N, C-alpha and C. Protein backbone atom coordinates (compact mmCIF):
# COMPACT_ATOMS: atom_id res chain seq x y z
N UNK A 1 72.81 36.88 -26.29
CA UNK A 1 73.25 38.27 -26.29
C UNK A 1 74.69 38.35 -25.77
N UNK A 2 75.39 39.37 -26.23
CA UNK A 2 76.80 39.50 -25.90
C UNK A 2 77.05 40.76 -25.08
N UNK A 3 78.24 40.78 -24.47
CA UNK A 3 78.71 41.97 -23.77
C UNK A 3 79.66 42.72 -24.69
N UNK A 4 79.39 44.00 -24.89
CA UNK A 4 80.20 44.83 -25.77
C UNK A 4 80.90 45.92 -24.98
N UNK A 5 82.14 46.17 -25.33
CA UNK A 5 82.86 47.31 -24.81
C UNK A 5 83.09 48.29 -25.95
N UNK A 6 82.46 49.44 -25.89
CA UNK A 6 82.56 50.45 -26.95
C UNK A 6 83.56 51.51 -26.50
N UNK A 7 84.68 51.59 -27.19
CA UNK A 7 85.73 52.53 -26.83
C UNK A 7 85.52 53.84 -27.59
N UNK A 8 85.18 54.89 -26.86
CA UNK A 8 84.96 56.18 -27.49
C UNK A 8 83.72 56.85 -26.97
N UNK A 9 83.83 58.16 -26.68
CA UNK A 9 82.69 58.91 -26.14
C UNK A 9 82.05 59.83 -27.16
N UNK A 10 82.41 59.66 -28.43
CA UNK A 10 81.86 60.50 -29.48
C UNK A 10 80.55 59.99 -30.05
N UNK A 11 80.11 60.62 -31.12
CA UNK A 11 78.81 60.31 -31.71
C UNK A 11 78.77 58.91 -32.29
N UNK A 12 79.84 58.48 -32.97
CA UNK A 12 79.85 57.13 -33.55
C UNK A 12 79.71 56.08 -32.46
N UNK A 13 80.47 56.24 -31.38
CA UNK A 13 80.36 55.30 -30.27
C UNK A 13 78.97 55.27 -29.67
N UNK A 14 78.35 56.45 -29.56
CA UNK A 14 77.00 56.53 -28.99
C UNK A 14 75.98 55.85 -29.89
N UNK A 15 76.05 56.10 -31.19
CA UNK A 15 75.10 55.50 -32.13
C UNK A 15 75.21 53.97 -32.10
N UNK A 16 76.43 53.46 -32.16
CA UNK A 16 76.61 52.02 -32.17
C UNK A 16 76.24 51.40 -30.82
N UNK A 17 76.59 52.07 -29.74
CA UNK A 17 76.20 51.57 -28.42
C UNK A 17 74.69 51.51 -28.28
N UNK A 18 73.99 52.55 -28.74
CA UNK A 18 72.53 52.55 -28.67
C UNK A 18 71.92 51.46 -29.54
N UNK A 19 72.54 51.21 -30.70
CA UNK A 19 72.07 50.11 -31.54
C UNK A 19 72.20 48.77 -30.85
N UNK A 20 73.31 48.57 -30.19
CA UNK A 20 73.52 47.31 -29.46
C UNK A 20 72.53 47.17 -28.31
N UNK A 21 72.28 48.26 -27.58
CA UNK A 21 71.28 48.22 -26.51
C UNK A 21 69.90 47.91 -27.07
N UNK A 22 69.59 48.47 -28.22
CA UNK A 22 68.29 48.25 -28.86
C UNK A 22 68.03 46.77 -29.07
N UNK A 23 69.07 46.03 -29.39
CA UNK A 23 68.91 44.60 -29.66
C UNK A 23 69.25 43.73 -28.46
N UNK A 24 69.26 44.32 -27.27
CA UNK A 24 69.33 43.54 -26.05
C UNK A 24 70.71 43.19 -25.55
N UNK A 25 71.75 43.73 -26.16
CA UNK A 25 73.11 43.46 -25.70
C UNK A 25 73.45 44.32 -24.49
N UNK A 26 74.40 43.87 -23.70
CA UNK A 26 74.95 44.68 -22.63
C UNK A 26 76.11 45.50 -23.19
N UNK A 27 76.17 46.75 -22.81
CA UNK A 27 77.18 47.65 -23.37
C UNK A 27 77.85 48.45 -22.26
N UNK A 28 79.17 48.40 -22.24
CA UNK A 28 79.93 49.34 -21.42
C UNK A 28 80.73 50.23 -22.37
N UNK A 29 80.48 51.52 -22.28
CA UNK A 29 81.26 52.48 -23.06
C UNK A 29 82.48 52.90 -22.25
N UNK A 30 83.59 53.04 -22.95
CA UNK A 30 84.82 53.44 -22.30
C UNK A 30 85.27 54.80 -22.80
N UNK A 31 85.83 55.59 -21.89
CA UNK A 31 86.31 56.92 -22.23
C UNK A 31 87.49 57.28 -21.34
N UNK A 32 88.34 58.18 -21.84
CA UNK A 32 89.38 58.75 -20.97
C UNK A 32 88.75 59.58 -19.86
N UNK A 33 87.59 60.17 -20.13
CA UNK A 33 86.87 60.99 -19.16
C UNK A 33 85.47 60.40 -18.99
N UNK A 34 85.31 59.56 -17.99
CA UNK A 34 84.05 58.82 -17.81
C UNK A 34 82.87 59.76 -17.57
N UNK A 35 83.13 60.95 -17.05
CA UNK A 35 82.04 61.90 -16.79
C UNK A 35 81.29 62.27 -18.07
N UNK A 36 81.96 62.16 -19.22
CA UNK A 36 81.31 62.46 -20.49
C UNK A 36 80.17 61.49 -20.80
N UNK A 37 80.18 60.34 -20.16
CA UNK A 37 79.20 59.29 -20.46
C UNK A 37 78.06 59.23 -19.45
N UNK A 38 78.05 60.14 -18.49
CA UNK A 38 77.05 60.06 -17.42
C UNK A 38 75.63 60.15 -17.95
N UNK A 39 75.35 61.10 -18.83
CA UNK A 39 73.99 61.26 -19.35
C UNK A 39 73.58 60.06 -20.17
N UNK A 40 74.50 59.55 -21.00
CA UNK A 40 74.19 58.36 -21.80
C UNK A 40 73.88 57.17 -20.90
N UNK A 41 74.69 56.94 -19.89
CA UNK A 41 74.47 55.82 -18.98
C UNK A 41 73.14 55.94 -18.27
N UNK A 42 72.80 57.15 -17.84
CA UNK A 42 71.54 57.37 -17.13
C UNK A 42 70.34 57.06 -18.01
N UNK A 43 70.45 57.40 -19.29
CA UNK A 43 69.33 57.18 -20.21
C UNK A 43 69.29 55.78 -20.77
N UNK A 44 70.38 55.04 -20.63
CA UNK A 44 70.51 53.76 -21.33
C UNK A 44 69.88 52.56 -20.66
N UNK A 45 69.51 52.68 -19.39
CA UNK A 45 68.88 51.56 -18.71
C UNK A 45 69.88 50.60 -18.09
N UNK A 46 69.38 49.46 -17.66
CA UNK A 46 70.17 48.51 -16.88
C UNK A 46 71.34 47.93 -17.65
N UNK A 47 71.24 47.85 -18.97
CA UNK A 47 72.30 47.24 -19.78
C UNK A 47 73.39 48.23 -20.18
N UNK A 48 73.26 49.48 -19.76
CA UNK A 48 74.23 50.52 -20.14
C UNK A 48 75.18 50.79 -18.98
N UNK A 49 76.46 50.67 -19.25
CA UNK A 49 77.48 50.90 -18.23
C UNK A 49 78.55 51.82 -18.79
N UNK A 50 79.34 52.40 -17.91
CA UNK A 50 80.41 53.29 -18.35
C UNK A 50 81.64 53.08 -17.48
N UNK A 51 82.80 53.29 -18.07
CA UNK A 51 84.05 53.14 -17.34
C UNK A 51 85.20 53.64 -18.18
N UNK A 52 86.40 53.32 -17.77
CA UNK A 52 87.58 53.64 -18.55
C UNK A 52 87.74 52.66 -19.69
N UNK A 53 88.72 52.90 -20.54
CA UNK A 53 88.95 52.01 -21.68
C UNK A 53 89.26 50.59 -21.21
N UNK A 54 90.09 50.45 -20.20
CA UNK A 54 90.44 49.12 -19.70
C UNK A 54 89.22 48.42 -19.09
N UNK A 55 88.39 49.19 -18.39
CA UNK A 55 87.17 48.61 -17.81
C UNK A 55 86.26 48.04 -18.90
N UNK A 56 86.07 48.82 -19.96
CA UNK A 56 85.17 48.41 -21.04
C UNK A 56 85.71 47.19 -21.77
N UNK A 57 87.02 47.18 -22.04
CA UNK A 57 87.61 46.06 -22.76
C UNK A 57 87.59 44.79 -21.92
N UNK A 58 87.84 44.92 -20.62
CA UNK A 58 87.81 43.76 -19.73
C UNK A 58 86.40 43.20 -19.61
N UNK A 59 85.42 44.07 -19.57
CA UNK A 59 84.01 43.68 -19.46
C UNK A 59 83.53 42.91 -20.69
N UNK A 60 84.08 43.23 -21.84
CA UNK A 60 83.48 42.86 -23.12
C UNK A 60 83.80 41.44 -23.57
N UNK A 61 82.83 40.86 -24.29
CA UNK A 61 83.10 39.70 -25.14
C UNK A 61 83.62 40.19 -26.49
N UNK A 62 83.07 41.32 -26.94
CA UNK A 62 83.44 41.94 -28.21
C UNK A 62 83.73 43.42 -27.95
N UNK A 63 84.85 43.90 -28.47
CA UNK A 63 85.23 45.29 -28.31
C UNK A 63 84.95 46.04 -29.61
N UNK A 64 84.46 47.27 -29.49
CA UNK A 64 84.19 48.09 -30.67
C UNK A 64 84.98 49.39 -30.52
N UNK A 65 85.89 49.62 -31.47
CA UNK A 65 86.75 50.79 -31.44
C UNK A 65 86.13 51.91 -32.25
N UNK A 66 85.74 52.99 -31.58
CA UNK A 66 85.03 54.09 -32.23
C UNK A 66 85.62 55.42 -31.78
N UNK A 67 86.88 55.64 -32.13
CA UNK A 67 87.58 56.88 -31.79
C UNK A 67 88.14 57.49 -33.07
N UNK A 68 88.67 58.69 -32.99
CA UNK A 68 89.37 59.28 -34.13
C UNK A 68 90.54 58.38 -34.52
N UNK A 69 90.80 58.33 -35.81
CA UNK A 69 91.86 57.46 -36.27
C UNK A 69 93.20 57.74 -35.61
N UNK A 70 93.51 59.00 -35.40
CA UNK A 70 94.77 59.36 -34.78
C UNK A 70 94.89 58.94 -33.34
N UNK A 71 93.76 58.62 -32.70
CA UNK A 71 93.75 58.20 -31.30
C UNK A 71 93.55 56.70 -31.15
N UNK A 72 93.45 55.97 -32.26
CA UNK A 72 93.08 54.56 -32.20
C UNK A 72 94.12 53.72 -31.47
N UNK A 73 95.39 53.92 -31.80
CA UNK A 73 96.43 53.10 -31.17
C UNK A 73 96.49 53.36 -29.66
N UNK A 74 96.42 54.61 -29.27
CA UNK A 74 96.49 54.92 -27.83
C UNK A 74 95.26 54.40 -27.10
N UNK A 75 94.10 54.41 -27.75
CA UNK A 75 92.88 53.89 -27.12
C UNK A 75 93.02 52.39 -26.85
N UNK A 76 93.56 51.65 -27.82
CA UNK A 76 93.75 50.22 -27.60
C UNK A 76 94.83 49.96 -26.56
N UNK A 77 95.84 50.80 -26.53
CA UNK A 77 96.88 50.65 -25.51
C UNK A 77 96.29 50.87 -24.11
N UNK A 78 95.43 51.88 -23.98
CA UNK A 78 94.78 52.12 -22.69
C UNK A 78 93.81 51.00 -22.33
N UNK A 79 93.18 50.40 -23.34
CA UNK A 79 92.30 49.26 -23.09
C UNK A 79 93.09 48.08 -22.54
N UNK A 80 94.33 47.93 -23.00
CA UNK A 80 95.20 46.87 -22.50
C UNK A 80 95.21 45.65 -23.39
N UNK A 81 96.39 45.30 -23.88
CA UNK A 81 96.50 44.12 -24.75
C UNK A 81 95.96 42.87 -24.09
N UNK A 82 96.13 42.78 -22.76
CA UNK A 82 95.65 41.59 -22.04
C UNK A 82 94.13 41.49 -22.05
N UNK A 83 93.44 42.62 -22.21
CA UNK A 83 91.97 42.61 -22.27
C UNK A 83 91.44 42.42 -23.69
N UNK A 84 92.34 42.51 -24.68
CA UNK A 84 91.95 42.35 -26.08
C UNK A 84 92.31 40.96 -26.61
N UNK A 85 93.11 40.23 -25.89
CA UNK A 85 93.63 38.95 -26.35
C UNK A 85 92.51 37.98 -26.72
N UNK A 86 92.55 37.48 -27.95
CA UNK A 86 91.60 36.48 -28.47
C UNK A 86 90.17 37.01 -28.59
N UNK A 87 89.98 38.33 -28.47
CA UNK A 87 88.65 38.91 -28.60
C UNK A 87 88.48 39.55 -29.98
N UNK A 88 87.25 39.53 -30.45
CA UNK A 88 86.90 40.28 -31.66
C UNK A 88 86.92 41.76 -31.33
N UNK A 89 87.66 42.53 -32.14
CA UNK A 89 87.72 43.99 -31.99
C UNK A 89 87.21 44.60 -33.29
N UNK A 90 86.04 45.18 -33.26
CA UNK A 90 85.47 45.82 -34.44
C UNK A 90 86.12 47.18 -34.60
N UNK A 91 86.78 47.37 -35.73
CA UNK A 91 87.52 48.60 -36.00
C UNK A 91 86.69 49.50 -36.91
N UNK A 92 86.08 50.53 -36.31
CA UNK A 92 85.24 51.46 -37.07
C UNK A 92 85.99 52.74 -37.42
N UNK A 93 87.32 52.73 -37.27
CA UNK A 93 88.09 53.95 -37.45
C UNK A 93 88.53 54.16 -38.89
N UNK A 94 88.91 55.40 -39.19
CA UNK A 94 89.53 55.76 -40.47
C UNK A 94 90.72 56.66 -40.19
N UNK A 95 91.77 56.56 -41.01
CA UNK A 95 93.00 57.33 -40.76
C UNK A 95 92.92 58.75 -41.32
N UNK A 96 91.94 59.51 -40.87
CA UNK A 96 91.75 60.87 -41.37
C UNK A 96 92.77 61.80 -40.73
N UNK A 97 93.52 62.49 -41.56
CA UNK A 97 94.57 63.39 -41.07
C UNK A 97 93.97 64.69 -40.55
N UNK A 98 94.73 65.37 -39.71
CA UNK A 98 94.33 66.69 -39.21
C UNK A 98 94.71 67.75 -40.24
N UNK A 99 94.07 67.65 -41.39
CA UNK A 99 94.32 68.58 -42.49
C UNK A 99 93.02 68.76 -43.26
N UNK A 100 92.87 69.90 -43.89
CA UNK A 100 91.63 70.21 -44.61
C UNK A 100 91.47 69.31 -45.83
N UNK A 101 90.23 68.95 -46.18
CA UNK A 101 90.00 68.22 -47.43
C UNK A 101 90.47 69.03 -48.64
N UNK A 102 90.83 68.34 -49.70
CA UNK A 102 91.26 68.97 -50.93
C UNK A 102 90.17 68.76 -51.98
N UNK A 103 89.45 69.83 -52.32
CA UNK A 103 88.34 69.74 -53.27
C UNK A 103 87.36 68.64 -52.88
N UNK A 104 87.08 68.55 -51.60
CA UNK A 104 86.11 67.58 -51.10
C UNK A 104 86.67 66.21 -50.77
N UNK A 105 87.98 66.03 -50.94
CA UNK A 105 88.60 64.72 -50.69
C UNK A 105 89.38 64.79 -49.39
N UNK A 106 88.99 63.94 -48.44
CA UNK A 106 89.70 63.89 -47.17
C UNK A 106 91.15 63.48 -47.37
N UNK A 107 92.00 63.94 -46.47
CA UNK A 107 93.39 63.51 -46.48
C UNK A 107 93.60 62.45 -45.39
N UNK A 108 94.35 61.40 -45.74
CA UNK A 108 94.67 60.32 -44.82
C UNK A 108 96.12 60.42 -44.38
N UNK A 109 96.43 59.86 -43.19
CA UNK A 109 97.82 59.80 -42.76
C UNK A 109 98.46 58.45 -43.07
N UNK A 110 97.75 57.60 -43.82
CA UNK A 110 98.30 56.35 -44.33
C UNK A 110 98.50 56.49 -45.84
N UNK A 111 99.21 55.53 -46.42
CA UNK A 111 99.43 55.53 -47.86
C UNK A 111 98.64 54.44 -48.55
N UNK A 112 98.73 54.35 -49.86
CA UNK A 112 97.90 53.39 -50.60
C UNK A 112 98.25 51.93 -50.33
N UNK A 113 99.46 51.66 -49.86
CA UNK A 113 99.87 50.29 -49.57
C UNK A 113 99.99 50.06 -48.07
N UNK A 114 99.13 50.73 -47.34
CA UNK A 114 99.14 50.70 -45.88
C UNK A 114 97.72 50.99 -45.42
N UNK A 115 97.40 50.65 -44.19
CA UNK A 115 96.10 51.01 -43.63
C UNK A 115 96.23 51.14 -42.13
N UNK A 116 95.31 51.89 -41.54
CA UNK A 116 95.30 52.02 -40.09
C UNK A 116 95.05 50.67 -39.44
N UNK A 117 94.14 49.89 -40.00
CA UNK A 117 93.84 48.60 -39.40
C UNK A 117 95.06 47.68 -39.36
N UNK A 118 95.85 47.70 -40.42
CA UNK A 118 97.07 46.88 -40.42
C UNK A 118 98.03 47.33 -39.33
N UNK A 119 98.14 48.62 -39.13
CA UNK A 119 99.01 49.13 -38.07
C UNK A 119 98.52 48.67 -36.71
N UNK A 120 97.21 48.74 -36.50
CA UNK A 120 96.64 48.31 -35.21
C UNK A 120 96.80 46.81 -35.01
N UNK A 121 96.56 46.03 -36.05
CA UNK A 121 96.70 44.57 -35.92
C UNK A 121 98.15 44.19 -35.61
N UNK A 122 99.10 44.92 -36.21
CA UNK A 122 100.51 44.66 -35.94
C UNK A 122 100.87 44.99 -34.49
N UNK A 123 100.29 46.05 -33.94
CA UNK A 123 100.56 46.45 -32.56
C UNK A 123 99.89 45.53 -31.55
N UNK A 124 98.74 44.95 -31.94
CA UNK A 124 97.97 44.10 -31.02
C UNK A 124 97.69 42.77 -31.72
N UNK A 125 98.73 41.95 -31.90
CA UNK A 125 98.60 40.75 -32.74
C UNK A 125 97.68 39.69 -32.19
N UNK A 126 97.41 39.71 -30.89
CA UNK A 126 96.56 38.67 -30.31
C UNK A 126 95.08 39.06 -30.31
N UNK A 127 94.76 40.27 -30.75
CA UNK A 127 93.37 40.69 -30.93
C UNK A 127 92.91 40.31 -32.33
N UNK A 128 91.62 40.05 -32.48
CA UNK A 128 91.05 39.67 -33.78
C UNK A 128 90.31 40.87 -34.37
N UNK A 129 91.05 41.75 -35.04
CA UNK A 129 90.45 42.96 -35.59
C UNK A 129 89.61 42.65 -36.82
N UNK A 130 88.47 43.32 -36.90
CA UNK A 130 87.60 43.24 -38.07
C UNK A 130 87.17 44.67 -38.43
N UNK A 131 87.47 45.08 -39.63
CA UNK A 131 87.05 46.41 -40.09
C UNK A 131 85.56 46.40 -40.41
N UNK A 132 84.82 47.37 -39.87
CA UNK A 132 83.38 47.50 -40.16
C UNK A 132 82.92 48.89 -39.74
N UNK A 133 81.81 49.33 -40.29
CA UNK A 133 81.18 50.62 -39.97
C UNK A 133 82.03 51.81 -40.40
N UNK A 134 83.02 51.60 -41.26
CA UNK A 134 83.93 52.69 -41.61
C UNK A 134 83.58 53.39 -42.91
N UNK A 135 82.62 52.87 -43.67
CA UNK A 135 82.35 53.42 -45.00
C UNK A 135 80.96 54.03 -45.11
N UNK A 136 80.44 54.54 -43.98
CA UNK A 136 79.13 55.19 -43.99
C UNK A 136 79.06 56.14 -42.81
N UNK A 137 78.23 57.16 -42.90
CA UNK A 137 78.07 58.09 -41.80
C UNK A 137 77.28 57.49 -40.66
N UNK A 138 77.43 58.06 -39.47
CA UNK A 138 76.80 57.47 -38.28
C UNK A 138 75.28 57.44 -38.35
N UNK A 139 74.67 58.32 -39.14
CA UNK A 139 73.20 58.34 -39.23
C UNK A 139 72.63 57.08 -39.84
N UNK A 140 73.48 56.32 -40.56
CA UNK A 140 73.00 55.13 -41.25
C UNK A 140 73.63 53.84 -40.73
N UNK A 141 74.33 53.90 -39.63
CA UNK A 141 75.04 52.72 -39.14
C UNK A 141 74.09 51.65 -38.60
N UNK A 142 72.97 52.07 -38.05
CA UNK A 142 72.01 51.14 -37.46
C UNK A 142 70.68 51.27 -38.18
N UNK A 143 70.20 50.16 -38.74
CA UNK A 143 68.93 50.12 -39.45
C UNK A 143 68.80 51.20 -40.51
N UNK A 144 69.71 51.23 -41.47
CA UNK A 144 69.65 52.22 -42.55
C UNK A 144 68.41 52.02 -43.41
N UNK A 145 67.75 53.12 -43.73
CA UNK A 145 66.51 53.06 -44.53
C UNK A 145 66.78 53.68 -45.89
N UNK A 146 66.87 52.82 -46.91
CA UNK A 146 67.04 53.28 -48.28
C UNK A 146 65.93 52.72 -49.17
N UNK A 147 64.71 52.85 -48.66
CA UNK A 147 63.53 52.45 -49.43
C UNK A 147 63.48 50.99 -49.79
N UNK A 148 63.88 50.14 -48.87
CA UNK A 148 63.83 48.70 -49.10
C UNK A 148 65.12 48.11 -49.65
N UNK A 149 66.05 48.95 -50.09
CA UNK A 149 67.34 48.46 -50.56
C UNK A 149 68.27 48.25 -49.36
N UNK A 150 68.92 47.11 -49.32
CA UNK A 150 69.82 46.79 -48.21
C UNK A 150 71.25 47.15 -48.62
N UNK A 151 71.88 48.11 -47.96
CA UNK A 151 73.23 48.51 -48.35
C UNK A 151 74.27 47.49 -47.93
N UNK A 152 75.46 47.64 -48.48
CA UNK A 152 76.57 46.73 -48.23
C UNK A 152 77.57 47.35 -47.27
N UNK A 153 77.95 46.56 -46.26
CA UNK A 153 79.05 46.94 -45.38
C UNK A 153 80.23 46.03 -45.69
N UNK A 154 81.34 46.62 -46.09
CA UNK A 154 82.53 45.86 -46.41
C UNK A 154 83.34 45.61 -45.15
N UNK A 155 83.74 44.36 -44.95
CA UNK A 155 84.51 44.00 -43.78
C UNK A 155 85.77 43.26 -44.20
N UNK A 156 86.74 43.21 -43.30
CA UNK A 156 87.93 42.39 -43.54
C UNK A 156 88.57 42.09 -42.19
N UNK A 157 89.44 41.10 -42.20
CA UNK A 157 90.15 40.70 -40.99
C UNK A 157 90.75 39.33 -41.18
N UNK A 158 91.65 38.96 -40.31
CA UNK A 158 92.37 37.70 -40.47
C UNK A 158 91.70 36.51 -39.80
N UNK A 159 90.72 36.75 -38.92
CA UNK A 159 90.11 35.66 -38.17
C UNK A 159 88.68 35.40 -38.66
N UNK A 160 88.46 34.20 -39.17
CA UNK A 160 87.16 33.88 -39.77
C UNK A 160 86.04 33.89 -38.74
N UNK A 161 86.29 33.39 -37.54
CA UNK A 161 85.25 33.36 -36.51
C UNK A 161 84.87 34.77 -36.10
N UNK A 162 85.85 35.65 -35.99
CA UNK A 162 85.56 37.05 -35.63
C UNK A 162 84.71 37.71 -36.71
N UNK A 163 85.01 37.43 -37.96
CA UNK A 163 84.22 38.02 -39.05
C UNK A 163 82.79 37.48 -39.05
N UNK A 164 82.61 36.24 -38.65
CA UNK A 164 81.25 35.71 -38.53
C UNK A 164 80.49 36.44 -37.43
N UNK A 165 81.16 36.73 -36.31
CA UNK A 165 80.51 37.48 -35.23
C UNK A 165 80.08 38.86 -35.71
N UNK A 166 80.96 39.52 -36.42
CA UNK A 166 80.65 40.87 -36.90
C UNK A 166 79.55 40.83 -37.95
N UNK A 167 79.58 39.84 -38.81
CA UNK A 167 78.51 39.69 -39.81
C UNK A 167 77.16 39.54 -39.15
N UNK A 168 77.10 38.77 -38.06
CA UNK A 168 75.84 38.59 -37.34
C UNK A 168 75.32 39.92 -36.81
N UNK A 169 76.20 40.75 -36.29
CA UNK A 169 75.79 42.06 -35.79
C UNK A 169 75.31 42.94 -36.93
N UNK A 170 76.03 42.91 -38.05
CA UNK A 170 75.65 43.73 -39.20
C UNK A 170 74.27 43.34 -39.73
N UNK A 171 74.03 42.06 -39.81
CA UNK A 171 72.71 41.58 -40.27
C UNK A 171 71.63 42.06 -39.30
N UNK A 172 71.90 41.98 -38.01
CA UNK A 172 70.97 42.47 -37.00
C UNK A 172 70.69 43.95 -37.19
N UNK A 173 71.69 44.70 -37.59
CA UNK A 173 71.56 46.14 -37.80
C UNK A 173 71.01 46.49 -39.18
N UNK A 174 70.70 45.48 -40.02
CA UNK A 174 70.05 45.76 -41.29
C UNK A 174 70.98 45.92 -42.48
N UNK A 175 72.17 45.28 -42.41
CA UNK A 175 73.16 45.39 -43.48
C UNK A 175 73.39 44.05 -44.18
N UNK A 176 73.83 44.12 -45.43
CA UNK A 176 74.51 43.01 -46.07
C UNK A 176 75.99 43.16 -45.76
N UNK A 177 76.64 42.08 -45.32
CA UNK A 177 78.07 42.13 -45.04
C UNK A 177 78.81 41.44 -46.17
N UNK A 178 79.85 42.07 -46.66
CA UNK A 178 80.66 41.51 -47.73
C UNK A 178 82.10 41.39 -47.24
N UNK A 179 82.56 40.15 -47.12
CA UNK A 179 83.89 39.86 -46.61
C UNK A 179 84.92 40.02 -47.72
N UNK A 180 85.83 40.97 -47.54
CA UNK A 180 86.86 41.26 -48.54
C UNK A 180 88.18 40.55 -48.26
N UNK A 181 88.22 39.72 -47.23
CA UNK A 181 89.42 38.92 -46.99
C UNK A 181 90.21 39.38 -45.78
N UNK A 182 91.53 39.27 -45.88
CA UNK A 182 92.42 39.55 -44.76
C UNK A 182 92.60 41.03 -44.48
N UNK A 183 93.44 41.30 -43.49
CA UNK A 183 93.61 42.67 -43.00
C UNK A 183 94.09 43.63 -44.09
N UNK A 184 94.81 43.12 -45.09
CA UNK A 184 95.31 43.98 -46.15
C UNK A 184 94.18 44.65 -46.94
N UNK A 185 93.00 44.05 -46.93
CA UNK A 185 91.86 44.63 -47.65
C UNK A 185 91.42 45.96 -47.05
N UNK A 186 91.87 46.26 -45.83
CA UNK A 186 91.57 47.57 -45.25
C UNK A 186 92.17 48.70 -46.07
N UNK A 187 93.20 48.39 -46.87
CA UNK A 187 93.78 49.41 -47.75
C UNK A 187 92.76 49.89 -48.77
N UNK A 188 91.81 49.05 -49.11
CA UNK A 188 90.75 49.42 -50.05
C UNK A 188 89.49 49.90 -49.34
N UNK A 189 89.21 49.32 -48.17
CA UNK A 189 87.97 49.66 -47.47
C UNK A 189 88.06 51.04 -46.82
N UNK A 190 89.17 51.34 -46.17
CA UNK A 190 89.26 52.63 -45.49
C UNK A 190 89.09 53.83 -46.43
N UNK A 191 89.64 53.81 -47.64
CA UNK A 191 89.41 54.95 -48.54
C UNK A 191 87.96 55.12 -49.01
N UNK A 192 87.11 54.13 -48.78
CA UNK A 192 85.69 54.32 -49.09
C UNK A 192 85.11 55.45 -48.26
N UNK A 193 85.72 55.71 -47.11
CA UNK A 193 85.32 56.87 -46.31
C UNK A 193 85.51 58.16 -47.10
N UNK A 194 86.63 58.25 -47.81
CA UNK A 194 86.88 59.42 -48.67
C UNK A 194 85.77 59.56 -49.71
N UNK A 195 85.49 58.45 -50.37
CA UNK A 195 84.49 58.47 -51.44
C UNK A 195 83.12 58.81 -50.89
N UNK A 196 82.77 58.23 -49.73
CA UNK A 196 81.46 58.48 -49.14
C UNK A 196 81.30 59.97 -48.79
N UNK A 197 82.38 60.61 -48.35
CA UNK A 197 82.30 62.00 -47.90
C UNK A 197 82.29 63.03 -49.02
N UNK A 198 82.75 62.66 -50.21
CA UNK A 198 82.86 63.66 -51.29
C UNK A 198 81.52 64.34 -51.60
N UNK A 199 80.40 63.62 -51.78
CA UNK A 199 79.14 64.31 -52.07
C UNK A 199 78.73 65.27 -50.94
N UNK A 200 79.06 64.91 -49.70
CA UNK A 200 78.72 65.78 -48.59
C UNK A 200 79.59 67.01 -48.52
N UNK A 201 80.89 66.82 -48.69
CA UNK A 201 81.82 67.94 -48.59
C UNK A 201 81.70 68.89 -49.78
N UNK A 202 81.33 68.36 -50.94
CA UNK A 202 81.22 69.21 -52.13
C UNK A 202 79.83 69.80 -52.32
N UNK A 203 78.80 69.03 -51.93
CA UNK A 203 77.45 69.50 -52.22
C UNK A 203 76.45 69.38 -51.08
N UNK A 204 76.90 68.95 -49.91
CA UNK A 204 76.00 68.87 -48.76
C UNK A 204 75.09 67.65 -48.75
N UNK A 205 75.38 66.66 -49.57
CA UNK A 205 74.56 65.45 -49.64
C UNK A 205 75.22 64.32 -48.85
N UNK A 206 74.53 63.89 -47.79
CA UNK A 206 75.09 62.88 -46.89
C UNK A 206 74.21 61.64 -46.78
N UNK A 207 73.18 61.55 -47.59
CA UNK A 207 72.20 60.46 -47.43
C UNK A 207 72.41 59.37 -48.47
N UNK A 208 73.48 58.61 -48.32
CA UNK A 208 73.80 57.57 -49.27
C UNK A 208 74.63 56.48 -48.60
N UNK A 209 74.71 55.35 -49.26
CA UNK A 209 75.54 54.24 -48.81
C UNK A 209 75.95 53.43 -50.02
N UNK A 210 76.86 52.50 -49.83
CA UNK A 210 77.34 51.68 -50.94
C UNK A 210 76.54 50.39 -51.04
N UNK A 211 76.41 49.90 -52.28
CA UNK A 211 75.74 48.63 -52.54
C UNK A 211 76.55 47.85 -53.55
N UNK A 212 76.97 46.65 -53.21
CA UNK A 212 77.68 45.78 -54.13
C UNK A 212 76.66 44.96 -54.90
N UNK A 213 76.64 45.13 -56.22
CA UNK A 213 75.71 44.39 -57.07
C UNK A 213 76.41 43.15 -57.61
N UNK A 214 75.70 42.02 -57.57
CA UNK A 214 76.27 40.76 -58.05
C UNK A 214 75.39 40.17 -59.12
N UNK A 215 76.01 39.48 -60.03
CA UNK A 215 75.26 38.83 -61.11
C UNK A 215 75.48 37.33 -61.05
């Protein structure tokens, strides 16, 4: 079992932290306001801890970034580059802009030849970022039930060992992991968030995931 530092006090961080606790991992959640995590820590048992971003990153073998895309860089800065060095950092963020969707399509603050993950990797070059959990809603991140069909989680990153660690977690959580290559593949993976959200924003349907079919 591993020690995880989950950066973020929102719903995504809570869902993923609870999934990790479910499978016996130790989890410290980090927040700018630790008081927000008091109820979660109280309910989480002996393996649930709470602290600041730097506390969580220092505690962790593996860091999980689960904040709004616009806050991702500052969250990692608060965690401290020295606490991220040579560690796997699971990047669950998307670069969603503070602007209304257009006909059900989210707006991003990145362009087609850029990605949030690339920006983060450039700012924190000694961390081993791996994109994951970014192309599905939080209700399906842990043990998704699609009637026996195993959905696909697309991942990418520059470090092969880090991607193996993340793949192991995804398999534990009930996913097929599909490695799309280096950090540049985040340019394709992050917009899957847009695609995933369209049925929900246009018609209220949020119960779906992606599946890569192979022949």
